[in-house]
């Protein structure tokens, strides 16, 4: 507990952690470009302001690109809106999936470890960190490609499909299932599975926020009110992330369905060439 109490207010460097009392006088702003710069060899730290400040104006710095989860645990406060919020979700392969072992083996073979993110979330084959998707019609930046790849692998129903994914990865950059599945209905199903998972999480978050209730009584104000407000900030931020990802995935599924319908219409509108030749022959007679 003592170690945690020290490092939670300490600043990291290449040689470990150190306390910088001057920096503790400055409050955090996630959008600020001012950060603590340290020189381990000269053993000094400095903060360079990112703009001009008026006399008496509060100088803010950025402790790091931290989500509310990290700010709450390490520093004891949250922001009502935090651009660095993120959510970790867990994936799994059902035990009754007959291809379960093959899928895990394929995922292990193509897994590329990534260093911890700012929230100390370890990257693994079945753990994914989602960030806010700014545009529902964009490229889905904020949703890890590895999460969509996991869903594609999960939707495979035959050893041949898994083998095709492995072959595709080998022919390109080695990353697994980074391209849409050739089977359009299977591609849509993979993303609909993600929508279903996020929808369940959204419902859980909504229920948790509702359970916090409103703190309006003078008796319950004070420390309890502050704690509930921080919990509400945390949940609302992560709920925003989940909803943004869900909206993008729904839009992706809708676009794929529309494209599938167009392709089907084109298929019906243009008979095979062999049939066209046969019809021409009939008219010639």
C-alpha atoms as a PDB file:
ATOM      1  CA  UNK A   1       0.000   0.000   0.000  1.00  0.00           C
ATOM      2  CA  UNK A   2       2.864   2.369   0.798  1.00  0.00           C
ATOM      3  CA  UNK A   3       4.510   1.653  -2.550  1.00  0.00           C
ATOM      4  CA  UNK A   4       1.238   2.341  -4.352  1.00  0.00           C
ATOM      5  CA  UNK A   5       0.683   5.571  -2.433  1.00  0.00           C
ATOM      6  CA  UNK A   6       4.121   6.779  -3.505  1.00  0.00           C
ATOM      7  CA  UNK A   7       4.067   5.734  -7.161  1.00  0.00           C
ATOM      8  CA  UNK A   8       0.499   6.944  -7.680  1.00  0.00           C
ATOM      9  CA  UNK A   9       1.749  10.498  -7.170  1.00  0.00           C
ATOM     10  CA  UNK A  10       5.148   9.890  -8.763  1.00  0.00           C
ATOM     11  CA  UNK A  11       6.435  10.554 -12.257  1.00  0.00           C
ATOM     12  CA  UNK A  12       7.970   7.757 -14.254  1.00  0.00           C
ATOM     13  CA  UNK A  13      11.332   7.912 -15.990  1.00  0.00           C
ATOM     14  CA  UNK A  14      13.840   5.542 -17.530  1.00  0.00           C
ATOM     15  CA  UNK A  15      15.365   5.010 -14.075  1.00  0.00           C
ATOM     16  CA  UNK A  16      12.139   4.465 -12.153  1.00  0.00           C
ATOM     17  CA  UNK A  17       9.791   6.777 -10.269  1.00  0.00           C
ATOM     18  CA  UNK A  18      10.444  10.077  -8.537  1.00  0.00           C
ATOM     19  CA  UNK A  19       8.368  12.625  -6.641  1.00  0.00           C
ATOM     20  CA  UNK A  20       8.231  16.122  -8.162  1.00  0.00           C
ATOM     21  CA  UNK A  21       6.486  18.415  -5.640  1.00  0.00           C
ATOM     22  CA  UNK A  22       6.404  21.343  -8.061  1.00  0.00           C
ATOM     23  CA  UNK A  23       4.483  19.299 -10.638  1.00  0.00           C
ATOM     24  CA  UNK A  24       1.930  18.331  -7.990  1.00  0.00           C
ATOM     25  CA  UNK A  25       0.969  22.002  -7.715  1.00  0.00           C
ATOM     26  CA  UNK A  26      -0.294  21.872 -11.309  1.00  0.00           C
ATOM     27  CA  UNK A  27      -3.655  20.333 -12.117  1.00  0.00           C
ATOM     28  CA  UNK A  28      -4.354  17.975 -15.006  1.00  0.00           C
ATOM     29  CA  UNK A  29      -5.900  18.872 -18.349  1.00  0.00           C
ATOM     30  CA  UNK A  30      -6.112  16.033 -20.861  1.00  0.00           C
ATOM     31  CA  UNK A  31      -6.031  18.419 -23.830  1.00  0.00           C
ATOM     32  CA  UNK A  32      -3.008  20.410 -22.649  1.00  0.00           C
ATOM     33  CA  UNK A  33       0.264  20.090 -24.534  1.00  0.00           C
ATOM     34  CA  UNK A  34       2.297  20.946 -21.421  1.00  0.00           C
ATOM     35  CA  UNK A  35       3.972  17.922 -19.888  1.00  0.00           C
ATOM     36  CA  UNK A  36       6.675  17.261 -17.314  1.00  0.00           C
ATOM     37  CA  UNK A  37      10.074  16.870 -18.994  1.00  0.00           C
ATOM     38  CA  UNK A  38      12.821  15.159 -17.037  1.00  0.00           C
ATOM     39  CA  UNK A  39      16.561  14.822 -17.538  1.00  0.00           C
ATOM     40  CA  UNK A  40      17.702  11.752 -15.618  1.00  0.00           C
ATOM     41  CA  UNK A  41      21.388  12.520 -16.023  1.00  0.00           C
ATOM     42  CA  UNK A  42      21.153  16.126 -14.826  1.00  0.00           C
ATOM     43  CA  UNK A  43      18.490  15.128 -12.298  1.00  0.00           C
ATOM     44  CA  UNK A  44      16.069  17.953 -12.947  1.00  0.00           C
ATOM     45  CA  UNK A  45      12.550  18.340 -14.325  1.00  0.00           C
ATOM     46  CA  UNK A  46      10.822  21.214 -16.063  1.00  0.00           C
ATOM     47  CA  UNK A  47       7.430  22.158 -17.481  1.00  0.00           C
ATOM     48  CA  UNK A  48       7.145  24.359 -20.567  1.00  0.00           C
ATOM     49  CA  UNK A  49       3.773  26.101 -20.925  1.00  0.00           C
ATOM     50  CA  UNK A  50       1.868  25.391 -24.139  1.00  0.00           C
ATOM     51  CA  UNK A  51       0.493  28.951 -24.333  1.00  0.00           C
ATOM     52  CA  UNK A  52       0.654  32.358 -22.678  1.00  0.00           C
ATOM     53  CA  UNK A  53      -1.046  32.602 -19.292  1.00  0.00           C
ATOM     54  CA  UNK A  54      -2.488  35.757 -17.753  1.00  0.00           C
ATOM     55  CA  UNK A  55      -1.309  36.752 -14.255  1.00  0.00           C
ATOM     56  CA  UNK A  56      -3.219  34.736 -11.670  1.00  0.00           C
ATOM     57  CA  UNK A  57      -4.524  32.247 -14.246  1.00  0.00           C
ATOM     58  CA  UNK A  58      -4.208  28.578 -13.356  1.00  0.00           C
ATOM     59  CA  UNK A  59      -1.467  26.740 -15.258  1.00  0.00           C
ATOM     60  CA  UNK A  60      -2.562  23.269 -16.354  1.00  0.00           C
ATOM     61  CA  UNK A  61      -0.444  20.367 -17.552  1.00  0.00           C
ATOM     62  CA  UNK A  62      -1.194  16.925 -18.927  1.00  0.00           C
ATOM     63  CA  UNK A  63      -0.192  14.113 -16.590  1.00  0.00           C
ATOM     64  CA  UNK A  64      -0.541  11.737 -19.518  1.00  0.00           C
ATOM     65  CA  UNK A  65      -3.118  10.514 -22.018  1.00  0.00           C
ATOM     66  CA  UNK A  66      -5.060   8.856 -19.228  1.00  0.00           C
ATOM     67  CA  UNK A  67      -8.625   7.608 -19.213  1.00  0.00           C
ATOM     68  CA  UNK A  68     -10.942   8.310 -16.298  1.00  0.00           C
ATOM     69  CA  UNK A  69     -10.237   4.786 -15.040  1.00  0.00           C
ATOM     70  CA  UNK A  70      -6.550   5.633 -14.592  1.00  0.00           C
ATOM     71  CA  UNK A  71      -7.190   9.141 -13.264  1.00  0.00           C
ATOM     72  CA  UNK A  72      -9.586   7.745 -10.674  1.00  0.00           C
ATOM     73  CA  UNK A  73      -7.323   4.921  -9.502  1.00  0.00           C
ATOM     74  CA  UNK A  74      -4.000   6.765  -9.584  1.00  0.00           C
ATOM     75  CA  UNK A  75      -4.933  10.377  -8.868  1.00  0.00           C
ATOM     76  CA  UNK A  76      -8.363  10.298  -7.238  1.00  0.00           C
ATOM     77  CA  UNK A  77     -10.343  12.440  -9.688  1.00  0.00           C
ATOM     78  CA  UNK A  78     -12.206  12.206 -12.999  1.00  0.00           C
ATOM     79  CA  UNK A  79     -13.360  14.500 -15.802  1.00  0.00           C
ATOM     80  CA  UNK A  80     -16.981  14.783 -16.901  1.00  0.00           C
ATOM     81  CA  UNK A  81     -15.712  14.396 -20.479  1.00  0.00           C
ATOM     82  CA  UNK A  82     -12.390  12.716 -21.162  1.00  0.00           C
ATOM     83  CA  UNK A  83     -11.158  12.359 -24.747  1.00  0.00           C
ATOM     84  CA  UNK A  84      -8.790   9.592 -23.645  1.00  0.00           C
ATOM     85  CA  UNK A  85     -11.469   7.264 -22.257  1.00  0.00           C
ATOM     86  CA  UNK A  86     -11.339   3.673 -23.470  1.00  0.00           C
ATOM     87  CA  UNK A  87     -12.948   0.325 -22.726  1.00  0.00           C
ATOM     88  CA  UNK A  88     -11.423  -3.123 -22.485  1.00  0.00           C
ATOM     89  CA  UNK A  89     -13.622  -5.973 -23.661  1.00  0.00           C
ATOM     90  CA  UNK A  90     -13.042  -9.691 -23.506  1.00  0.00           C
ATOM     91  CA  UNK A  91     -13.681 -12.166 -26.297  1.00  0.00           C
ATOM     92  CA  UNK A  92     -14.136 -15.895 -25.986  1.00  0.00           C
ATOM     93  CA  UNK A  93     -14.731 -18.966 -28.110  1.00  0.00           C
ATOM     94  CA  UNK A  94     -17.658 -21.103 -26.882  1.00  0.00           C
ATOM     95  CA  UNK A  95     -16.660 -24.455 -25.407  1.00  0.00           C
ATOM     96  CA  UNK A  96     -19.226 -26.221 -27.606  1.00  0.00           C
ATOM     97  CA  UNK A  97     -17.571 -24.913 -30.793  1.00  0.00           C
ATOM     98  CA  UNK A  98     -16.187 -28.028 -32.516  1.00  0.00           C
ATOM     99  CA  UNK A  99     -13.414 -25.895 -34.053  1.00  0.00           C
ATOM    100  CA  UNK A 100     -12.493 -24.247 -30.749  1.00  0.00           C
ATOM    101  CA  UNK A 101      -8.987 -25.723 -30.477  1.00  0.00           C
ATOM    102  CA  UNK A 102      -8.194 -25.027 -34.130  1.00  0.00           C
ATOM    103  CA  UNK A 103      -9.310 -21.419 -33.758  1.00  0.00           C
ATOM    104  CA  UNK A 104      -7.238 -20.870 -30.613  1.00  0.00           C
ATOM    105  CA  UNK A 105      -4.210 -22.405 -32.303  1.00  0.00           C
ATOM    106  CA  UNK A 106      -4.658 -20.161 -35.338  1.00  0.00           C
ATOM    107  CA  UNK A 107      -5.009 -17.068 -33.143  1.00  0.00           C
ATOM    108  CA  UNK A 108      -1.917 -18.017 -31.135  1.00  0.00           C
ATOM    109  CA  UNK A 109       0.129 -18.558 -34.265  1.00  0.00           C
ATOM    110  CA  UNK A 110      -0.686 -15.125 -35.660  1.00  0.00           C
ATOM    111  CA  UNK A 111      -0.824 -13.146 -32.420  1.00  0.00           C
ATOM    112  CA  UNK A 112       1.512 -10.156 -32.262  1.00  0.00           C
ATOM    113  CA  UNK A 113       2.156  -8.926 -28.711  1.00  0.00           C
ATOM    114  CA  UNK A 114       1.774  -5.184 -28.251  1.00  0.00           C
ATOM    115  CA  UNK A 115       3.168  -3.189 -25.353  1.00  0.00           C
ATOM    116  CA  UNK A 116       0.789  -2.109 -22.607  1.00  0.00           C
ATOM    117  CA  UNK A 117      -1.330   0.937 -23.319  1.00  0.00           C
ATOM    118  CA  UNK A 118      -1.643   3.900 -20.969  1.00  0.00           C
ATOM    119  CA  UNK A 119      -4.153   2.030 -18.829  1.00  0.00           C
ATOM    120  CA  UNK A 120      -1.820  -0.958 -18.394  1.00  0.00           C
ATOM    121  CA  UNK A 121      -4.165  -3.182 -20.403  1.00  0.00           C
ATOM    122  CA  UNK A 122      -2.158  -6.164 -21.562  1.00  0.00           C
ATOM    123  CA  UNK A 123      -2.683  -7.002 -25.207  1.00  0.00           C
ATOM    124  CA  UNK A 124      -3.685 -10.616 -25.640  1.00  0.00           C
ATOM    125  CA  UNK A 125      -5.468 -12.798 -28.152  1.00  0.00           C
ATOM    126  CA  UNK A 126      -8.861 -12.294 -26.523  1.00  0.00           C
ATOM    127  CA  UNK A 127      -8.579  -8.888 -24.835  1.00  0.00           C
ATOM    128  CA  UNK A 128      -9.200  -5.713 -26.820  1.00  0.00           C
ATOM    129  CA  UNK A 129      -9.173  -2.004 -26.017  1.00  0.00           C
ATOM    130  CA  UNK A 130     -11.785   0.145 -27.764  1.00  0.00           C
ATOM    131  CA  UNK A 131     -11.507   3.913 -28.080  1.00  0.00           C
ATOM    132  CA  UNK A 132     -14.087   6.426 -29.241  1.00  0.00           C
ATOM    133  CA  UNK A 133     -15.038   6.176 -32.916  1.00  0.00           C
ATOM    134  CA  UNK A 134     -15.335   9.781 -34.055  1.00  0.00           C
ATOM    135  CA  UNK A 135     -17.272   9.096 -37.255  1.00  0.00           C
ATOM    136  CA  UNK A 136     -20.001   6.522 -37.769  1.00  0.00           C
ATOM    137  CA  UNK A 137     -19.242   6.421 -41.498  1.00  0.00           C
ATOM    138  CA  UNK A 138     -15.442   6.595 -41.373  1.00  0.00           C
ATOM    139  CA  UNK A 139     -12.868   3.818 -41.253  1.00  0.00           C
ATOM    140  CA  UNK A 140     -13.751   2.782 -37.723  1.00  0.00           C
ATOM    141  CA  UNK A 141     -10.622   4.182 -36.096  1.00  0.00           C
ATOM    142  CA  UNK A 142     -10.926   3.291 -32.441  1.00  0.00           C
ATOM    143  CA  UNK A 143     -12.063  -0.282 -33.022  1.00  0.00           C
ATOM    144  CA  UNK A 144      -8.995  -2.572 -33.059  1.00  0.00           C
ATOM    145  CA  UNK A 145      -8.479  -4.528 -36.277  1.00  0.00           C
ATOM    146  CA  UNK A 146      -7.588  -7.463 -34.036  1.00  0.00           C
ATOM    147  CA  UNK A 147     -11.107  -7.431 -32.544  1.00  0.00           C
ATOM    148  CA  UNK A 148     -12.735  -7.638 -35.968  1.00  0.00           C
ATOM    149  CA  UNK A 149     -10.262 -10.354 -36.938  1.00  0.00           C
ATOM    150  CA  UNK A 150     -11.200 -12.311 -33.808  1.00  0.00           C
ATOM    151  CA  UNK A 151     -14.879 -12.095 -34.782  1.00  0.00           C
ATOM    152  CA  UNK A 152     -14.111 -13.329 -38.301  1.00  0.00           C
ATOM    153  CA  UNK A 153     -12.226 -16.327 -36.953  1.00  0.00           C
ATOM    154  CA  UNK A 154     -15.039 -17.013 -34.510  1.00  0.00           C
ATOM    155  CA  UNK A 155     -17.576 -17.136 -37.380  1.00  0.00           C
ATOM    156  CA  UNK A 156     -15.696 -19.769 -39.368  1.00  0.00           C
ATOM    157  CA  UNK A 157     -17.581 -23.062 -39.554  1.00  0.00           C
ATOM    158  CA  UNK A 158     -15.112 -25.346 -41.314  1.00  0.00           C
ATOM    159  CA  UNK A 159     -11.400 -26.224 -41.161  1.00  0.00           C
ATOM    160  CA  UNK A 160     -11.107 -25.073 -44.783  1.00  0.00           C
ATOM    161  CA  UNK A 161     -12.221 -21.554 -43.890  1.00  0.00           C
ATOM    162  CA  UNK A 162      -9.600 -21.384 -41.145  1.00  0.00           C
ATOM    163  CA  UNK A 163      -6.992 -22.696 -43.553  1.00  0.00           C
ATOM    164  CA  UNK A 164      -7.958 -20.020 -46.083  1.00  0.00           C
ATOM    165  CA  UNK A 165      -7.486 -17.306 -43.449  1.00  0.00           C
ATOM    166  CA  UNK A 166      -4.048 -18.669 -42.563  1.00  0.00           C
ATOM    167  CA  UNK A 167      -3.090 -18.762 -46.241  1.00  0.00           C
ATOM    168  CA  UNK A 168      -4.299 -15.196 -46.778  1.00  0.00           C
ATOM    169  CA  UNK A 169      -2.240 -13.984 -43.811  1.00  0.00           C
ATOM    170  CA  UNK A 170       0.875 -15.743 -45.117  1.00  0.00           C
ATOM    171  CA  UNK A 171       0.443 -14.160 -48.557  1.00  0.00           C
ATOM    172  CA  UNK A 172       0.259 -10.639 -47.135  1.00  0.00           C
ATOM    173  CA  UNK A 173       1.763  -9.139 -43.965  1.00  0.00           C
ATOM    174  CA  UNK A 174       1.185 -12.102 -41.645  1.00  0.00           C
ATOM    175  CA  UNK A 175      -1.736 -10.522 -39.813  1.00  0.00           C
ATOM    176  CA  UNK A 176      -4.786 -12.717 -39.515  1.00  0.00           C
ATOM    177  CA  UNK A 177      -8.229 -11.952 -40.989  1.00  0.00           C
ATOM    178  CA  UNK A 178      -7.541  -8.270 -41.606  1.00  0.00           C
ATOM    179  CA  UNK A 179      -9.537  -8.287 -44.860  1.00  0.00           C
ATOM    180  CA  UNK A 180     -13.317  -8.757 -45.179  1.00  0.00           C
ATOM    181  CA  UNK A 181     -14.370 -12.379 -45.524  1.00  0.00           C
ATOM    182  CA  UNK A 182     -15.121 -13.456 -49.093  1.00  0.00           C
ATOM    183  CA  UNK A 183     -18.419 -14.859 -47.834  1.00  0.00           C
ATOM    184  CA  UNK A 184     -20.415 -11.644 -47.421  1.00  0.00           C
ATOM    185  CA  UNK A 185     -23.074 -13.151 -45.142  1.00  0.00           C
ATOM    186  CA  UNK A 186     -20.328 -14.516 -42.876  1.00  0.00           C
ATOM    187  CA  UNK A 187     -18.629 -11.101 -42.796  1.00  0.00           C
ATOM    188  CA  UNK A 188     -21.906  -9.480 -41.760  1.00  0.00           C
ATOM    189  CA  UNK A 189     -22.527 -12.139 -39.118  1.00  0.00           C
ATOM    190  CA  UNK A 190     -19.076 -11.567 -37.590  1.00  0.00           C
ATOM    191  CA  UNK A 191     -19.786  -7.868 -37.117  1.00  0.00           C
ATOM    192  CA  UNK A 192     -23.344  -8.474 -35.935  1.00  0.00           C
ATOM    193  CA  UNK A 193     -21.859 -10.633 -33.182  1.00  0.00           C
ATOM    194  CA  UNK A 194     -19.776  -7.661 -32.069  1.00  0.00           C
ATOM    195  CA  UNK A 195     -22.865  -5.437 -32.147  1.00  0.00           C
ATOM    196  CA  UNK A 196     -24.706  -7.918 -29.919  1.00  0.00           C
ATOM    197  CA  UNK A 197     -21.841  -8.015 -27.427  1.00  0.00           C
ATOM    198  CA  UNK A 198     -21.582  -4.233 -27.253  1.00  0.00           C
ATOM    199  CA  UNK A 199     -25.365  -3.918 -26.931  1.00  0.00           C
ATOM    200  CA  UNK A 200     -25.311  -6.160 -23.867  1.00  0.00           C
ATOM    201  CA  UNK A 201     -22.491  -4.094 -22.367  1.00  0.00           C
ATOM    202  CA  UNK A 202     -24.403  -0.864 -23.034  1.00  0.00           C
ATOM    203  CA  UNK A 203     -27.398  -2.298 -21.185  1.00  0.00           C
ATOM    204  CA  UNK A 204     -25.166  -3.252 -18.246  1.00  0.00           C
ATOM    205  CA  UNK A 205     -23.655   0.236 -18.124  1.00  0.00           C
ATOM    206  CA  UNK A 206     -27.084   1.875 -18.287  1.00  0.00           C
ATOM    207  CA  UNK A 207     -28.235  -0.261 -15.363  1.00  0.00           C
ATOM    208  CA  UNK A 208     -25.127   0.625 -13.346  1.00  0.00           C
ATOM    209  CA  UNK A 209     -25.613   4.344 -13.950  1.00  0.00           C
ATOM    210  CA  UNK A 210     -29.275   4.094 -12.948  1.00  0.00           C
ATOM    211  CA  UNK A 211     -28.296   2.290  -9.750  1.00  0.00           C
ATOM    212  CA  UNK A 212     -26.196   5.285  -8.692  1.00  0.00           C
ATOM    213  CA  UNK A 213     -29.358   7.363  -8.472  1.00  0.00           C
ATOM    214  CA  UNK A 214     -29.432  11.064  -7.692  1.00  0.00           C
ATOM    215  CA  UNK A 215     -27.650  12.505  -4.673  1.00  0.00           C
ATOM    216  CA  UNK A 216     -29.636  15.579  -3.694  1.00  0.00           C
ATOM    217  CA  UNK A 217     -30.180  15.224   0.055  1.00  0.00           C
ATOM    218  CA  UNK A 218     -27.912  17.469   2.186  1.00  0.00           C
ATOM    219  CA  UNK A 219     -27.257  14.446   4.383  1.00  0.00           C
ATOM    220  CA  UNK A 220     -25.892  12.378   1.518  1.00  0.00           C
ATOM    221  CA  UNK A 221     -23.857  15.165  -0.037  1.00  0.00           C
ATOM    222  CA  UNK A 222     -20.164  15.604   0.538  1.00  0.00           C
ATOM    223  CA  UNK A 223     -17.805  12.689   0.144  1.00  0.00           C
ATOM    224  CA  UNK A 224     -20.502  10.236  -0.978  1.00  0.00           C
ATOM    225  CA  UNK A 225     -21.717  12.686  -3.594  1.00  0.00           C
ATOM    226  CA  UNK A 226     -18.183  13.159  -4.930  1.00  0.00           C
ATOM    227  CA  UNK A 227     -17.590   9.418  -5.136  1.00  0.00           C
ATOM    228  CA  UNK A 228     -20.850   8.835  -6.962  1.00  0.00           C
ATOM    229  CA  UNK A 229     -20.099  11.634  -9.385  1.00  0.00           C
ATOM    230  CA  UNK A 230     -16.684  10.155 -10.183  1.00  0.00           C
ATOM    231  CA  UNK A 231     -18.300   6.747 -10.715  1.00  0.00           C
ATOM    232  CA  UNK A 232     -20.848   8.398 -12.996  1.00  0.00           C
ATOM    233  CA  UNK A 233     -18.080  10.156 -14.972  1.00  0.00           C
ATOM    234  CA  UNK A 234     -16.266   6.852 -15.396  1.00  0.00           C
ATOM    235  CA  UNK A 235     -19.357   4.925 -16.517  1.00  0.00           C
ATOM    236  CA  UNK A 236     -20.656   7.682 -18.804  1.00  0.00           C
ATOM    237  CA  UNK A 237     -17.292   7.958 -20.525  1.00  0.00           C
ATOM    238  CA  UNK A 238     -17.013   4.239 -21.179  1.00  0.00           C
ATOM    239  CA  UNK A 239     -20.675   4.110 -22.219  1.00  0.00           C
ATOM    240  CA  UNK A 240     -19.935   6.804 -24.803  1.00  0.00           C
ATOM    241  CA  UNK A 241     -17.117   4.664 -26.199  1.00  0.00           C
ATOM    242  CA  UNK A 242     -19.318   1.566 -26.441  1.00  0.00           C
ATOM    243  CA  UNK A 243     -22.126   3.456 -28.169  1.00  0.00           C
ATOM    244  CA  UNK A 244     -19.762   5.027 -30.706  1.00  0.00           C
ATOM    245  CA  UNK A 245     -18.266   1.632 -31.581  1.00  0.00           C
ATOM    246  CA  UNK A 246     -21.699   0.017 -31.780  1.00  0.00           C
ATOM    247  CA  UNK A 247     -22.985   2.768 -34.097  1.00  0.00           C
ATOM    248  CA  UNK A 248     -20.041   2.282 -36.461  1.00  0.00           C
ATOM    249  CA  UNK A 249     -20.471  -1.502 -36.516  1.00  0.00           C
ATOM    250  CA  UNK A 250     -24.209  -1.192 -37.203  1.00  0.00           C
ATOM    251  CA  UNK A 251     -23.493   1.168 -40.071  1.00  0.00           C
ATOM    252  CA  UNK A 252     -20.880  -1.238 -41.443  1.00  0.00           C
ATOM    253  CA  UNK A 253     -23.386  -4.116 -41.367  1.00  0.00           C
ATOM    254  CA  UNK A 254     -26.049  -1.986 -43.085  1.00  0.00           C
ATOM    255  CA  UNK A 255     -23.641  -1.011 -45.867  1.00  0.00           C
ATOM    256  CA  UNK A 256     -22.605  -4.636 -46.384  1.00  0.00           C
ATOM    257  CA  UNK A 257     -26.259  -5.716 -46.527  1.00  0.00           C
ATOM    258  CA  UNK A 258     -27.004  -3.009 -49.090  1.00  0.00           C
ATOM    259  CA  UNK A 259     -24.033  -4.056 -51.208  1.00  0.00           C
ATOM    260  CA  UNK A 260     -25.103  -7.700 -51.015  1.00  0.00           C
ATOM    261  CA  UNK A 261     -28.613  -6.764 -52.174  1.00  0.00           C
ATOM    262  CA  UNK A 262     -27.180  -4.763 -55.097  1.00  0.00           C
ATOM    263  CA  UNK A 263     -24.921  -7.647 -56.095  1.00  0.00           C
ATOM    264  CA  UNK A 264     -27.881 -10.033 -55.967  1.00  0.00           C
ATOM    265  CA  UNK A 265     -29.968  -7.705 -58.163  1.00  0.00           C
ATOM    266  CA  UNK A 266     -27.168  -7.468 -60.701  1.00  0.00           C
ATOM    267  CA  UNK A 267     -26.908 -11.236 -60.710  1.00  0.00           C
ATOM    268  CA  UNK A 268     -30.606 -11.607 -61.528  1.00  0.00           C
ATOM    269  CA  UNK A 269     -30.557  -8.828 -64.127  1.00  0.00           C
ATOM    270  CA  UNK A 270     -27.748 -10.387 -66.187  1.00  0.00           C
ATOM    271  CA  UNK A 271     -28.312 -14.027 -67.188  1.00  0.00           C
ATOM    272  CA  UNK A 272     -25.237 -16.172 -67.846  1.00  0.00           C
ATOM    273  CA  UNK A 273     -23.592 -15.705 -71.229  1.00  0.00           C
ATOM    274  CA  UNK A 274     -24.384 -19.286 -72.252  1.00  0.00           C
ATOM    275  CA  UNK A 275     -28.083 -18.561 -71.756  1.00  0.00           C
ATOM    276  CA  UNK A 276     -27.819 -15.355 -73.811  1.00  0.00           C
ATOM    277  CA  UNK A 277     -26.299 -17.277 -76.716  1.00  0.00           C
ATOM    278  CA  UNK A 278     -29.098 -19.828 -76.534  1.00  0.00           C
ATOM    279  CA  UNK A 279     -31.780 -17.115 -76.663  1.00  0.00           C
ATOM    280  CA  UNK A 280     -30.101 -15.397 -79.631  1.00  0.00           C
ATOM    281  CA  UNK A 281     -30.113 -18.699 -81.454  1.00  0.00           C
ATOM    282  CA  UNK A 282     -33.852 -19.060 -80.923  1.00  0.00           C
ATOM    283  CA  UNK A 283     -34.570 -15.607 -82.376  1.00  0.00           C
ATOM    284  CA  UNK A 284     -32.479 -16.386 -85.455  1.00  0.00           C
ATOM    285  CA  UNK A 285     -34.785 -19.263 -86.258  1.00  0.00           C
END
